[in-house]
ModelCIF file with pLDDT and N, C-alpha, C, O atoms, coordinates in Angstrom:
data_MODEL
#
_entry.id   MODEL 
#
_entity.id                         1 
_entity.type                       polymer 
_entity.pdbx_number_of_molecules   1 
#
_entity_poly.entity_id                      1 
_entity_poly.type                           'polypeptide(L)' 
_entity_poly.nstd_linkage                   no 
_entity_poly.nstd_monomer                   no 
_entity_poly.pdbx_seq_one_letter_code       CDTTELSGGGEGELHLEHERVKTQLSTSLYIGLKLSTDLEAVKSDLD 
_entity_poly.pdbx_seq_one_letter_code_can   CDTTELSGGGEGELHLEHERVKTQLSTSLYIGLKLSTDLEAVKSDLD 
_entity_poly.pdbx_strand_id                 A 
#
loop_
_entity_poly_seq.entity_id 
_entity_poly_seq.num 
_entity_poly_seq.mon_id 
_entity_poly_seq.hetero 
1 1  CYS n 
1 2  ASP n 
1 3  THR n 
1 4  THR n 
1 5  GLU n 
1 6  LEU n 
1 7  SER n 
1 8  GLY n 
1 9  GLY n 
1 10 GLY n 
1 11 GLU n 
1 12 GLY n 
1 13 GLU n 
1 14 LEU n 
1 15 HIS n 
1 16 LEU n 
1 17 GLU n 
1 18 HIS n 
1 19 GLU n 
1 20 ARG n 
1 21 VAL n 
1 22 LYS n 
1 23 THR n 
1 24 GLN n 
1 25 LEU n 
1 26 SER n 
1 27 THR n 
1 28 SER n 
1 29 LEU n 
1 30 TYR n 
1 31 ILE n 
1 32 GLY n 
1 33 LEU n 
1 34 LYS n 
1 35 LEU n 
1 36 SER n 
1 37 THR n 
1 38 ASP n 
1 39 LEU n 
1 40 GLU n 
1 41 ALA n 
1 42 VAL n 
1 43 LYS n 
1 44 SER n 
1 45 ASP n 
1 46 LEU n 
1 47 ASP n 
#
_struct_asym.id          A 
_struct_asym.entity_id   1 
#
loop_
_ma_qa_metric.id 
_ma_qa_metric.mode 
_ma_qa_metric.name 
_ma_qa_metric.software_group_id 
_ma_qa_metric.type 
1 global pLDDT . pLDDT 
2 local  pLDDT . pLDDT 
#
_ma_qa_metric_global.metric_id      1 
_ma_qa_metric_global.metric_value   75.32 
_ma_qa_metric_global.model_id       1 
_ma_qa_metric_global.ordinal_id     1 
#
loop_
_ma_qa_metric_local.label_asym_id 
_ma_qa_metric_local.label_comp_id 
_ma_qa_metric_local.label_seq_id 
_ma_qa_metric_local.metric_id 
_ma_qa_metric_local.metric_value 
_ma_qa_metric_local.model_id 
_ma_qa_metric_local.ordinal_id 
A CYS 1  2 44.00 1 1  
A ASP 2  2 45.00 1 2  
A THR 3  2 45.00 1 3  
A THR 4  2 42.00 1 4  
A GLU 5  2 43.00 1 5  
A LEU 6  2 42.00 1 6  
A SER 7  2 46.00 1 7  
A GLY 8  2 48.00 1 8  
A GLY 9  2 52.00 1 9  
A GLY 10 2 69.00 1 10 
A GLU 11 2 77.00 1 11 
A GLY 12 2 76.00 1 12 
A GLU 13 2 80.00 1 13 
A LEU 14 2 83.00 1 14 
A HIS 15 2 79.00 1 15 
A LEU 16 2 80.00 1 16 
A GLU 17 2 81.00 1 17 
A HIS 18 2 82.00 1 18 
A GLU 19 2 80.00 1 19 
A ARG 20 2 79.00 1 20 
A VAL 21 2 83.00 1 21 
A LYS 22 2 82.00 1 22 
A THR 23 2 81.00 1 23 
A GLN 24 2 82.00 1 24 
A LEU 25 2 83.00 1 25 
A SER 26 2 81.00 1 26 
A THR 27 2 80.00 1 27 
A SER 28 2 81.00 1 28 
A LEU 29 2 82.00 1 29 
A TYR 30 2 83.00 1 30 
A ILE 31 2 83.00 1 31 
A GLY 32 2 82.00 1 32 
A LEU 33 2 82.00 1 33 
A LYS 34 2 82.00 1 34 
A LEU 35 2 83.00 1 35 
A SER 36 2 84.00 1 36 
A THR 37 2 85.00 1 37 
A ASP 38 2 85.00 1 38 
A LEU 39 2 85.00 1 39 
A GLU 40 2 86.00 1 40 
A ALA 41 2 86.00 1 41 
A VAL 42 2 87.00 1 42 
A LYS 43 2 88.00 1 43 
A SER 44 2 88.00 1 44 
A ASP 45 2 88.00 1 45 
A LEU 46 2 87.00 1 46 
A ASP 47 2 88.00 1 47 
#
loop_
_atom_site.group_PDB 
_atom_site.id 
_atom_site.type_symbol 
_atom_site.label_atom_id 
_atom_site.label_alt_id 
_atom_site.label_comp_id 
_atom_site.label_asym_id 
_atom_site.label_entity_id 
_atom_site.label_seq_id 
_atom_site.pdbx_PDB_ins_code 
_atom_site.Cartn_x 
_atom_site.Cartn_y 
_atom_site.Cartn_z 
_atom_site.occupancy 
_atom_site.B_iso_or_equiv 
_atom_site.pdbx_formal_charge 
_atom_site.auth_seq_id 
_atom_site.auth_comp_id 
_atom_site.auth_asym_id 
_atom_site.auth_atom_id 
_atom_site.pdbx_PDB_model_num 
ATOM 1   N N  . CYS A 1 1  ? -7.733  14.684 10.874  1.00 44.00 ? 1  CYS A N  1 
ATOM 2   C CA . CYS A 1 1  ? -8.502  13.834 9.970   1.00 44.00 ? 1  CYS A CA 1 
ATOM 3   C C  . CYS A 1 1  ? -7.856  12.478 9.754   1.00 44.00 ? 1  CYS A C  1 
ATOM 4   O O  . CYS A 1 1  ? -8.492  11.581 9.199   1.00 44.00 ? 1  CYS A O  1 
ATOM 5   N N  . ASP A 1 2  ? -6.606  12.301 10.176  1.00 45.00 ? 2  ASP A N  1 
ATOM 6   C CA . ASP A 1 2  ? -5.923  11.035 9.951   1.00 45.00 ? 2  ASP A CA 1 
ATOM 7   C C  . ASP A 1 2  ? -6.116  10.051 11.105  1.00 45.00 ? 2  ASP A C  1 
ATOM 8   O O  . ASP A 1 2  ? -5.746  8.884  10.979  1.00 45.00 ? 2  ASP A O  1 
ATOM 9   N N  . THR A 1 3  ? -6.686  10.496 12.223  1.00 45.00 ? 3  THR A N  1 
ATOM 10  C CA . THR A 1 3  ? -6.872  9.591  13.348  1.00 45.00 ? 3  THR A CA 1 
ATOM 11  C C  . THR A 1 3  ? -8.224  8.923  13.237  1.00 45.00 ? 3  THR A C  1 
ATOM 12  O O  . THR A 1 3  ? -9.141  9.438  12.597  1.00 45.00 ? 3  THR A O  1 
ATOM 13  N N  . THR A 1 4  ? -8.335  7.764  13.874  1.00 42.00 ? 4  THR A N  1 
ATOM 14  C CA . THR A 1 4  ? -9.621  7.070  13.840  1.00 42.00 ? 4  THR A CA 1 
ATOM 15  C C  . THR A 1 4  ? -10.197 6.895  15.241  1.00 42.00 ? 4  THR A C  1 
ATOM 16  O O  . THR A 1 4  ? -11.276 6.325  15.403  1.00 42.00 ? 4  THR A O  1 
ATOM 17  N N  . GLU A 1 5  ? -9.483  7.384  16.250  1.00 43.00 ? 5  GLU A N  1 
ATOM 18  C CA . GLU A 1 5  ? -10.005 7.252  17.608  1.00 43.00 ? 5  GLU A CA 1 
ATOM 19  C C  . GLU A 1 5  ? -10.922 8.434  17.911  1.00 43.00 ? 5  GLU A C  1 
ATOM 20  O O  . GLU A 1 5  ? -10.651 9.572  17.528  1.00 43.00 ? 5  GLU A O  1 
ATOM 21  N N  . LEU A 1 6  ? -11.990 8.136  18.593  1.00 42.00 ? 6  LEU A N  1 
ATOM 22  C CA . LEU A 1 6  ? -12.927 9.177  18.993  1.00 42.00 ? 6  LEU A CA 1 
ATOM 23  C C  . LEU A 1 6  ? -13.052 9.158  20.504  1.00 42.00 ? 6  LEU A C  1 
ATOM 24  O O  . LEU A 1 6  ? -12.952 8.107  21.136  1.00 42.00 ? 6  LEU A O  1 
ATOM 25  N N  . SER A 1 7  ? -13.269 10.321 21.070  1.00 46.00 ? 7  SER A N  1 
ATOM 26  C CA . SER A 1 7  ? -13.479 10.361 22.515  1.00 46.00 ? 7  SER A CA 1 
ATOM 27  C C  . SER A 1 7  ? -14.961 10.563 22.765  1.00 46.00 ? 7  SER A C  1 
ATOM 28  O O  . SER A 1 7  ? -15.558 11.541 22.316  1.00 46.00 ? 7  SER A O  1 
ATOM 29  N N  . GLY A 1 8  ? -15.536 9.627  23.484  1.00 48.00 ? 8  GLY A N  1 
ATOM 30  C CA . GLY A 1 8  ? -16.953 9.728  23.818  1.00 48.00 ? 8  GLY A CA 1 
ATOM 31  C C  . GLY A 1 8  ? -17.840 9.282  22.679  1.00 48.00 ? 8  GLY A C  1 
ATOM 32  O O  . GLY A 1 8  ? -17.340 8.796  21.665  1.00 48.00 ? 8  GLY A O  1 
ATOM 33  N N  . GLY A 1 9  ? -19.138 9.436  22.819  1.00 52.00 ? 9  GLY A N  1 
ATOM 34  C CA . GLY A 1 9  ? -20.097 9.013  21.801  1.00 52.00 ? 9  GLY A CA 1 
ATOM 35  C C  . GLY A 1 9  ? -20.800 10.204 21.232  1.00 52.00 ? 9  GLY A C  1 
ATOM 36  O O  . GLY A 1 9  ? -20.397 11.346 21.452  1.00 52.00 ? 9  GLY A O  1 
ATOM 37  N N  . GLY A 1 10 ? -21.841 9.943  20.508  1.00 69.00 ? 10 GLY A N  1 
ATOM 38  C CA . GLY A 1 10 ? -22.633 11.046 19.978  1.00 69.00 ? 10 GLY A CA 1 
ATOM 39  C C  . GLY A 1 10 ? -22.804 10.946 18.491  1.00 69.00 ? 10 GLY A C  1 
ATOM 40  O O  . GLY A 1 10 ? -22.008 10.332 17.780  1.00 69.00 ? 10 GLY A O  1 
ATOM 41  N N  . GLU A 1 11 ? -23.880 11.576 18.038  1.00 77.00 ? 11 GLU A N  1 
ATOM 42  C CA . GLU A 1 11 ? -24.236 11.547 16.626  1.00 77.00 ? 11 GLU A CA 1 
ATOM 43  C C  . GLU A 1 11 ? -23.190 12.239 15.757  1.00 77.00 ? 11 GLU A C  1 
ATOM 44  O O  . GLU A 1 11 ? -22.852 11.720 14.694  1.00 77.00 ? 11 GLU A O  1 
ATOM 45  N N  . GLY A 1 12 ? -22.663 13.401 16.174  1.00 76.00 ? 12 GLY A N  1 
ATOM 46  C CA . GLY A 1 12 ? -21.665 14.147 15.400  1.00 76.00 ? 12 GLY A CA 1 
ATOM 47  C C  . GLY A 1 12 ? -20.378 13.356 15.227  1.00 76.00 ? 12 GLY A C  1 
ATOM 48  O O  . GLY A 1 12 ? -19.771 13.359 14.156  1.00 76.00 ? 12 GLY A O  1 
ATOM 49  N N  . GLU A 1 13 ? -19.973 12.686 16.287  1.00 80.00 ? 13 GLU A N  1 
ATOM 50  C CA . GLU A 1 13 ? -18.730 11.911 16.206  1.00 80.00 ? 13 GLU A CA 1 
ATOM 51  C C  . GLU A 1 13 ? -18.909 10.672 15.339  1.00 80.00 ? 13 GLU A C  1 
ATOM 52  O O  . GLU A 1 13 ? -17.973 10.258 14.654  1.00 80.00 ? 13 GLU A O  1 
ATOM 53  N N  . LEU A 1 14 ? -20.087 10.080 15.361  1.00 83.00 ? 14 LEU A N  1 
ATOM 54  C CA . LEU A 1 14 ? -20.361 8.938  14.490  1.00 83.00 ? 14 LEU A CA 1 
ATOM 55  C C  . LEU A 1 14 ? -20.310 9.394  13.027  1.00 83.00 ? 14 LEU A C  1 
ATOM 56  O O  . LEU A 1 14 ? -19.769 8.701  12.165  1.00 83.00 ? 14 LEU A O  1 
ATOM 57  N N  . HIS A 1 15 ? -20.880 10.561 12.770  1.00 79.00 ? 15 HIS A N  1 
ATOM 58  C CA . HIS A 1 15 ? -20.822 11.112 11.411  1.00 79.00 ? 15 HIS A CA 1 
ATOM 59  C C  . HIS A 1 15 ? -19.372 11.396 11.014  1.00 79.00 ? 15 HIS A C  1 
ATOM 60  O O  . HIS A 1 15 ? -18.978 11.131 9.878   1.00 79.00 ? 15 HIS A O  1 
ATOM 61  N N  . LEU A 1 16 ? -18.574 11.937 11.949  1.00 80.00 ? 16 LEU A N  1 
ATOM 62  C CA . LEU A 1 16 ? -17.167 12.216 11.698  1.00 80.00 ? 16 LEU A CA 1 
ATOM 63  C C  . LEU A 1 16 ? -16.420 10.919 11.378  1.00 80.00 ? 16 LEU A C  1 
ATOM 64  O O  . LEU A 1 16 ? -15.616 10.878 10.446  1.00 80.00 ? 16 LEU A O  1 
ATOM 65  N N  . GLU A 1 17 ? -16.683 9.876  12.141  1.00 81.00 ? 17 GLU A N  1 
ATOM 66  C CA . GLU A 1 17 ? -16.037 8.577  11.897  1.00 81.00 ? 17 GLU A CA 1 
ATOM 67  C C  . GLU A 1 17 ? -16.445 8.057  10.509  1.00 81.00 ? 17 GLU A C  1 
ATOM 68  O O  . GLU A 1 17 ? -15.609 7.545  9.764   1.00 81.00 ? 17 GLU A O  1 
ATOM 69  N N  . HIS A 1 18 ? -17.695 8.187  10.181  1.00 82.00 ? 18 HIS A N  1 
ATOM 70  C CA . HIS A 1 18 ? -18.176 7.769  8.863   1.00 82.00 ? 18 HIS A CA 1 
ATOM 71  C C  . HIS A 1 18 ? -17.433 8.525  7.754   1.00 82.00 ? 18 HIS A C  1 
ATOM 72  O O  . HIS A 1 18 ? -17.020 7.928  6.760   1.00 82.00 ? 18 HIS A O  1 
ATOM 73  N N  . GLU A 1 19 ? -17.266 9.828  7.929   1.00 80.00 ? 19 GLU A N  1 
ATOM 74  C CA . GLU A 1 19 ? -16.552 10.640 6.940   1.00 80.00 ? 19 GLU A CA 1 
ATOM 75  C C  . GLU A 1 19 ? -15.077 10.245 6.861   1.00 80.00 ? 19 GLU A C  1 
ATOM 76  O O  . GLU A 1 19 ? -14.498 10.232 5.775   1.00 80.00 ? 19 GLU A O  1 
ATOM 77  N N  . ARG A 1 20 ? -14.476 9.927  7.987   1.00 79.00 ? 20 ARG A N  1 
ATOM 78  C CA . ARG A 1 20 ? -13.069 9.486  7.986   1.00 79.00 ? 20 ARG A CA 1 
ATOM 79  C C  . ARG A 1 20 ? -12.915 8.191  7.197   1.00 79.00 ? 20 ARG A C  1 
ATOM 80  O O  . ARG A 1 20 ? -11.988 8.045  6.399   1.00 79.00 ? 20 ARG A O  1 
ATOM 81  N N  . VAL A 1 21 ? -13.817 7.267  7.423   1.00 83.00 ? 21 VAL A N  1 
ATOM 82  C CA . VAL A 1 21 ? -13.758 5.984  6.697   1.00 83.00 ? 21 VAL A CA 1 
ATOM 83  C C  . VAL A 1 21 ? -13.954 6.240  5.201   1.00 83.00 ? 21 VAL A C  1 
ATOM 84  O O  . VAL A 1 21 ? -13.251 5.659  4.374   1.00 83.00 ? 21 VAL A O  1 
ATOM 85  N N  . LYS A 1 22 ? -14.904 7.108  4.854   1.00 82.00 ? 22 LYS A N  1 
ATOM 86  C CA . LYS A 1 22 ? -15.106 7.443  3.444   1.00 82.00 ? 22 LYS A CA 1 
ATOM 87  C C  . LYS A 1 22 ? -13.847 8.061  2.844   1.00 82.00 ? 22 LYS A C  1 
ATOM 88  O O  . LYS A 1 22 ? -13.462 7.746  1.718   1.00 82.00 ? 22 LYS A O  1 
ATOM 89  N N  . THR A 1 23 ? -13.213 8.943  3.610   1.00 81.00 ? 23 THR A N  1 
ATOM 90  C CA . THR A 1 23 ? -11.974 9.577  3.135   1.00 81.00 ? 23 THR A CA 1 
ATOM 91  C C  . THR A 1 23 ? -10.884 8.535  2.933   1.00 81.00 ? 23 THR A C  1 
ATOM 92  O O  . THR A 1 23 ? -10.177 8.558  1.925   1.00 81.00 ? 23 THR A O  1 
ATOM 93  N N  . GLN A 1 24 ? -10.745 7.616  3.895   1.00 82.00 ? 24 GLN A N  1 
ATOM 94  C CA . GLN A 1 24 ? -9.720  6.577  3.777   1.00 82.00 ? 24 GLN A CA 1 
ATOM 95  C C  . GLN A 1 24 ? -9.993  5.671  2.578   1.00 82.00 ? 24 GLN A C  1 
ATOM 96  O O  . GLN A 1 24 ? -9.068  5.316  1.846   1.00 82.00 ? 24 GLN A O  1 
ATOM 97  N N  . LEU A 1 25 ? -11.241 5.298  2.375   1.00 83.00 ? 25 LEU A N  1 
ATOM 98  C CA . LEU A 1 25 ? -11.596 4.466  1.226   1.00 83.00 ? 25 LEU A CA 1 
ATOM 99  C C  . LEU A 1 25 ? -11.355 5.211  -0.080  1.00 83.00 ? 25 LEU A C  1 
ATOM 100 O O  . LEU A 1 25 ? -10.831 4.648  -1.040  1.00 83.00 ? 25 LEU A O  1 
ATOM 101 N N  . SER A 1 26 ? -11.737 6.464  -0.106  1.00 81.00 ? 26 SER A N  1 
ATOM 102 C CA . SER A 1 26 ? -11.532 7.278  -1.301  1.00 81.00 ? 26 SER A CA 1 
ATOM 103 C C  . SER A 1 26 ? -10.042 7.434  -1.592  1.00 81.00 ? 26 SER A C  1 
ATOM 104 O O  . SER A 1 26 ? -9.617  7.368  -2.745  1.00 81.00 ? 26 SER A O  1 
ATOM 105 N N  . THR A 1 27 ? -9.255  7.641  -0.538  1.00 80.00 ? 27 THR A N  1 
ATOM 106 C CA . THR A 1 27 ? -7.811  7.747  -0.698  1.00 80.00 ? 27 THR A CA 1 
ATOM 107 C C  . THR A 1 27 ? -7.227  6.442  -1.221  1.00 80.00 ? 27 THR A C  1 
ATOM 108 O O  . THR A 1 27 ? -6.390  6.449  -2.123  1.00 80.00 ? 27 THR A O  1 
ATOM 109 N N  . SER A 1 28 ? -7.664  5.333  -0.659  1.00 81.00 ? 28 SER A N  1 
ATOM 110 C CA . SER A 1 28 ? -7.170  4.025  -1.111  1.00 81.00 ? 28 SER A CA 1 
ATOM 111 C C  . SER A 1 28 ? -7.536  3.776  -2.566  1.00 81.00 ? 28 SER A C  1 
ATOM 112 O O  . SER A 1 28 ? -6.722  3.263  -3.334  1.00 81.00 ? 28 SER A O  1 
ATOM 113 N N  . LEU A 1 29 ? -8.740  4.131  -2.945  1.00 82.00 ? 29 LEU A N  1 
ATOM 114 C CA . LEU A 1 29 ? -9.161  3.979  -4.329  1.00 82.00 ? 29 LEU A CA 1 
ATOM 115 C C  . LEU A 1 29 ? -8.310  4.843  -5.247  1.00 82.00 ? 29 LEU A C  1 
ATOM 116 O O  . LEU A 1 29 ? -7.856  4.386  -6.296  1.00 82.00 ? 29 LEU A O  1 
ATOM 117 N N  . TYR A 1 30 ? -8.098  6.083  -4.851  1.00 83.00 ? 30 TYR A N  1 
ATOM 118 C CA . TYR A 1 30 ? -7.276  6.997  -5.642  1.00 83.00 ? 30 TYR A CA 1 
ATOM 119 C C  . TYR A 1 30 ? -5.864  6.439  -5.815  1.00 83.00 ? 30 TYR A C  1 
ATOM 120 O O  . TYR A 1 30 ? -5.328  6.431  -6.923  1.00 83.00 ? 30 TYR A O  1 
ATOM 121 N N  . ILE A 1 31 ? -5.269  5.978  -4.728  1.00 83.00 ? 31 ILE A N  1 
ATOM 122 C CA . ILE A 1 31 ? -3.907  5.427  -4.783  1.00 83.00 ? 31 ILE A CA 1 
ATOM 123 C C  . ILE A 1 31 ? -3.879  4.183  -5.670  1.00 83.00 ? 31 ILE A C  1 
ATOM 124 O O  . ILE A 1 31 ? -2.958  4.008  -6.467  1.00 83.00 ? 31 ILE A O  1 
ATOM 125 N N  . GLY A 1 32 ? -4.881  3.323  -5.533  1.00 82.00 ? 32 GLY A N  1 
ATOM 126 C CA . GLY A 1 32 ? -4.943  2.122  -6.365  1.00 82.00 ? 32 GLY A CA 1 
ATOM 127 C C  . GLY A 1 32 ? -5.050  2.455  -7.842  1.00 82.00 ? 32 GLY A C  1 
ATOM 128 O O  . GLY A 1 32 ? -4.371  1.848  -8.671  1.00 82.00 ? 32 GLY A O  1 
ATOM 129 N N  . LEU A 1 33 ? -5.898  3.415  -8.172  1.00 82.00 ? 33 LEU A N  1 
ATOM 130 C CA . LEU A 1 33 ? -6.033  3.838  -9.565  1.00 82.00 ? 33 LEU A CA 1 
ATOM 131 C C  . LEU A 1 33 ? -4.742  4.471  -10.072 1.00 82.00 ? 33 LEU A C  1 
ATOM 132 O O  . LEU A 1 33 ? -4.336  4.240  -11.211 1.00 82.00 ? 33 LEU A O  1 
ATOM 133 N N  . LYS A 1 34 ? -4.104  5.263  -9.229  1.00 82.00 ? 34 LYS A N  1 
ATOM 134 C CA . LYS A 1 34 ? -2.842  5.898  -9.612  1.00 82.00 ? 34 LYS A CA 1 
ATOM 135 C C  . LYS A 1 34 ? -1.775  4.839  -9.861  1.00 82.00 ? 34 LYS A C  1 
ATOM 136 O O  . LYS A 1 34 ? -1.046  4.916  -10.849 1.00 82.00 ? 34 LYS A O  1 
ATOM 137 N N  . LEU A 1 35 ? -1.676  3.853  -8.978  1.00 83.00 ? 35 LEU A N  1 
ATOM 138 C CA . LEU A 1 35 ? -0.695  2.782  -9.158  1.00 83.00 ? 35 LEU A CA 1 
ATOM 139 C C  . LEU A 1 35 ? -0.971  1.998  -10.442 1.00 83.00 ? 35 LEU A C  1 
ATOM 140 O O  . LEU A 1 35 ? -0.047  1.637  -11.171 1.00 83.00 ? 35 LEU A O  1 
ATOM 141 N N  . SER A 1 36 ? -2.235  1.743  -10.705 1.00 84.00 ? 36 SER A N  1 
ATOM 142 C CA . SER A 1 36 ? -2.601  1.026  -11.923 1.00 84.00 ? 36 SER A CA 1 
ATOM 143 C C  . SER A 1 36 ? -2.220  1.824  -13.157 1.00 84.00 ? 36 SER A C  1 
ATOM 144 O O  . SER A 1 36 ? -1.685  1.270  -14.117 1.00 84.00 ? 36 SER A O  1 
ATOM 145 N N  . THR A 1 37 ? -2.491  3.114  -13.136 1.00 85.00 ? 37 THR A N  1 
ATOM 146 C CA . THR A 1 37 ? -2.123  3.986  -14.251 1.00 85.00 ? 37 THR A CA 1 
ATOM 147 C C  . THR A 1 37 ? -0.611  4.026  -14.431 1.00 85.00 ? 37 THR A C  1 
ATOM 148 O O  . THR A 1 37 ? -0.109  3.942  -15.551 1.00 85.00 ? 37 THR A O  1 
ATOM 149 N N  . ASP A 1 38 ? 0.112   4.156  -13.319 1.00 85.00 ? 38 ASP A N  1 
ATOM 150 C CA . ASP A 1 38 ? 1.574   4.176  -13.388 1.00 85.00 ? 38 ASP A CA 1 
ATOM 151 C C  . ASP A 1 38 ? 2.114   2.870  -13.946 1.00 85.00 ? 38 ASP A C  1 
ATOM 152 O O  . ASP A 1 38 ? 3.047   2.873  -14.748 1.00 85.00 ? 38 ASP A O  1 
ATOM 153 N N  . LEU A 1 39 ? 1.530   1.756  -13.526 1.00 85.00 ? 39 LEU A N  1 
ATOM 154 C CA . LEU A 1 39 ? 1.973   0.446  -14.010 1.00 85.00 ? 39 LEU A CA 1 
ATOM 155 C C  . LEU A 1 39 ? 1.758   0.337  -15.516 1.00 85.00 ? 39 LEU A C  1 
ATOM 156 O O  . LEU A 1 39 ? 2.634   -0.148 -16.233 1.00 85.00 ? 39 LEU A O  1 
ATOM 157 N N  . GLU A 1 40 ? 0.614   0.779  -15.995 1.00 86.00 ? 40 GLU A N  1 
ATOM 158 C CA . GLU A 1 40 ? 0.345   0.733  -17.431 1.00 86.00 ? 40 GLU A CA 1 
ATOM 159 C C  . GLU A 1 40 ? 1.325   1.616  -18.195 1.00 86.00 ? 40 GLU A C  1 
ATOM 160 O O  . GLU A 1 40 ? 1.789   1.244  -19.273 1.00 86.00 ? 40 GLU A O  1 
ATOM 161 N N  . ALA A 1 41 ? 1.641   2.781  -17.640 1.00 86.00 ? 41 ALA A N  1 
ATOM 162 C CA . ALA A 1 41 ? 2.604   3.678  -18.297 1.00 86.00 ? 41 ALA A CA 1 
ATOM 163 C C  . ALA A 1 41 ? 3.988   3.043  -18.353 1.00 86.00 ? 41 ALA A C  1 
ATOM 164 O O  . ALA A 1 41 ? 4.681   3.137  -19.365 1.00 86.00 ? 41 ALA A O  1 
ATOM 165 N N  . VAL A 1 42 ? 4.385   2.397  -17.261 1.00 87.00 ? 42 VAL A N  1 
ATOM 166 C CA . VAL A 1 42 ? 5.690   1.732  -17.225 1.00 87.00 ? 42 VAL A CA 1 
ATOM 167 C C  . VAL A 1 42 ? 5.718   0.578  -18.226 1.00 87.00 ? 42 VAL A C  1 
ATOM 168 O O  . VAL A 1 42 ? 6.708   0.393  -18.933 1.00 87.00 ? 42 VAL A O  1 
ATOM 169 N N  . LYS A 1 43 ? 4.639   -0.193 -18.285 1.00 88.00 ? 43 LYS A N  1 
ATOM 170 C CA . LYS A 1 43 ? 4.569   -1.290 -19.263 1.00 88.00 ? 43 LYS A CA 1 
ATOM 171 C C  . LYS A 1 43 ? 4.693   -0.752 -20.678 1.00 88.00 ? 43 LYS A C  1 
ATOM 172 O O  . LYS A 1 43 ? 5.414   -1.320 -21.498 1.00 88.00 ? 43 LYS A O  1 
ATOM 173 N N  . SER A 1 44 ? 4.000   0.333  -20.969 1.00 88.00 ? 44 SER A N  1 
ATOM 174 C CA . SER A 1 44 ? 4.045   0.942  -22.293 1.00 88.00 ? 44 SER A CA 1 
ATOM 175 C C  . SER A 1 44 ? 5.458   1.433  -22.613 1.00 88.00 ? 44 SER A C  1 
ATOM 176 O O  . SER A 1 44 ? 5.963   1.211  -23.713 1.00 88.00 ? 44 SER A O  1 
ATOM 177 N N  . ASP A 1 45 ? 6.091   2.098  -21.648 1.00 88.00 ? 45 ASP A N  1 
ATOM 178 C CA . ASP A 1 45 ? 7.467   2.567  -21.837 1.00 88.00 ? 45 ASP A CA 1 
ATOM 179 C C  . ASP A 1 45 ? 8.415   1.401  -22.060 1.00 88.00 ? 45 ASP A C  1 
ATOM 180 O O  . ASP A 1 45 ? 9.300   1.467  -22.913 1.00 88.00 ? 45 ASP A O  1 
ATOM 181 N N  . LEU A 1 46 ? 8.230   0.340  -21.298 1.00 87.00 ? 46 LEU A N  1 
ATOM 182 C CA . LEU A 1 46 ? 9.079   -0.838 -21.434 1.00 87.00 ? 46 LEU A CA 1 
ATOM 183 C C  . LEU A 1 46 ? 8.911   -1.466 -22.819 1.00 87.00 ? 46 LEU A C  1 
ATOM 184 O O  . LEU A 1 46 ? 9.897   -1.834 -23.457 1.00 87.00 ? 46 LEU A O  1 
ATOM 185 N N  . ASP A 1 47 ? 7.674   -1.588 -23.280 1.00 88.00 ? 47 ASP A N  1 
ATOM 186 C CA . ASP A 1 47 ? 7.429   -2.132 -24.620 1.00 88.00 ? 47 ASP A CA 1 
ATOM 187 C C  . ASP A 1 47 ? 8.084   -1.269 -25.693 1.00 88.00 ? 47 ASP A C  1 
ATOM 188 O O  . ASP A 1 47 ? 7.981   -1.577 -26.881 1.00 88.00 ? 47 ASP A O  1 
#
């Protein structure tokens, strides 16, 4: 699931690529939200 290369064409592989991109975007969003939450917690602790 971590690779983005596909061998050959086809409807199933296009759907798989679409799902991989969705997973990567979802992961990036999750990480961004986590970093933001961590930053706010650190700021609060520092204050």
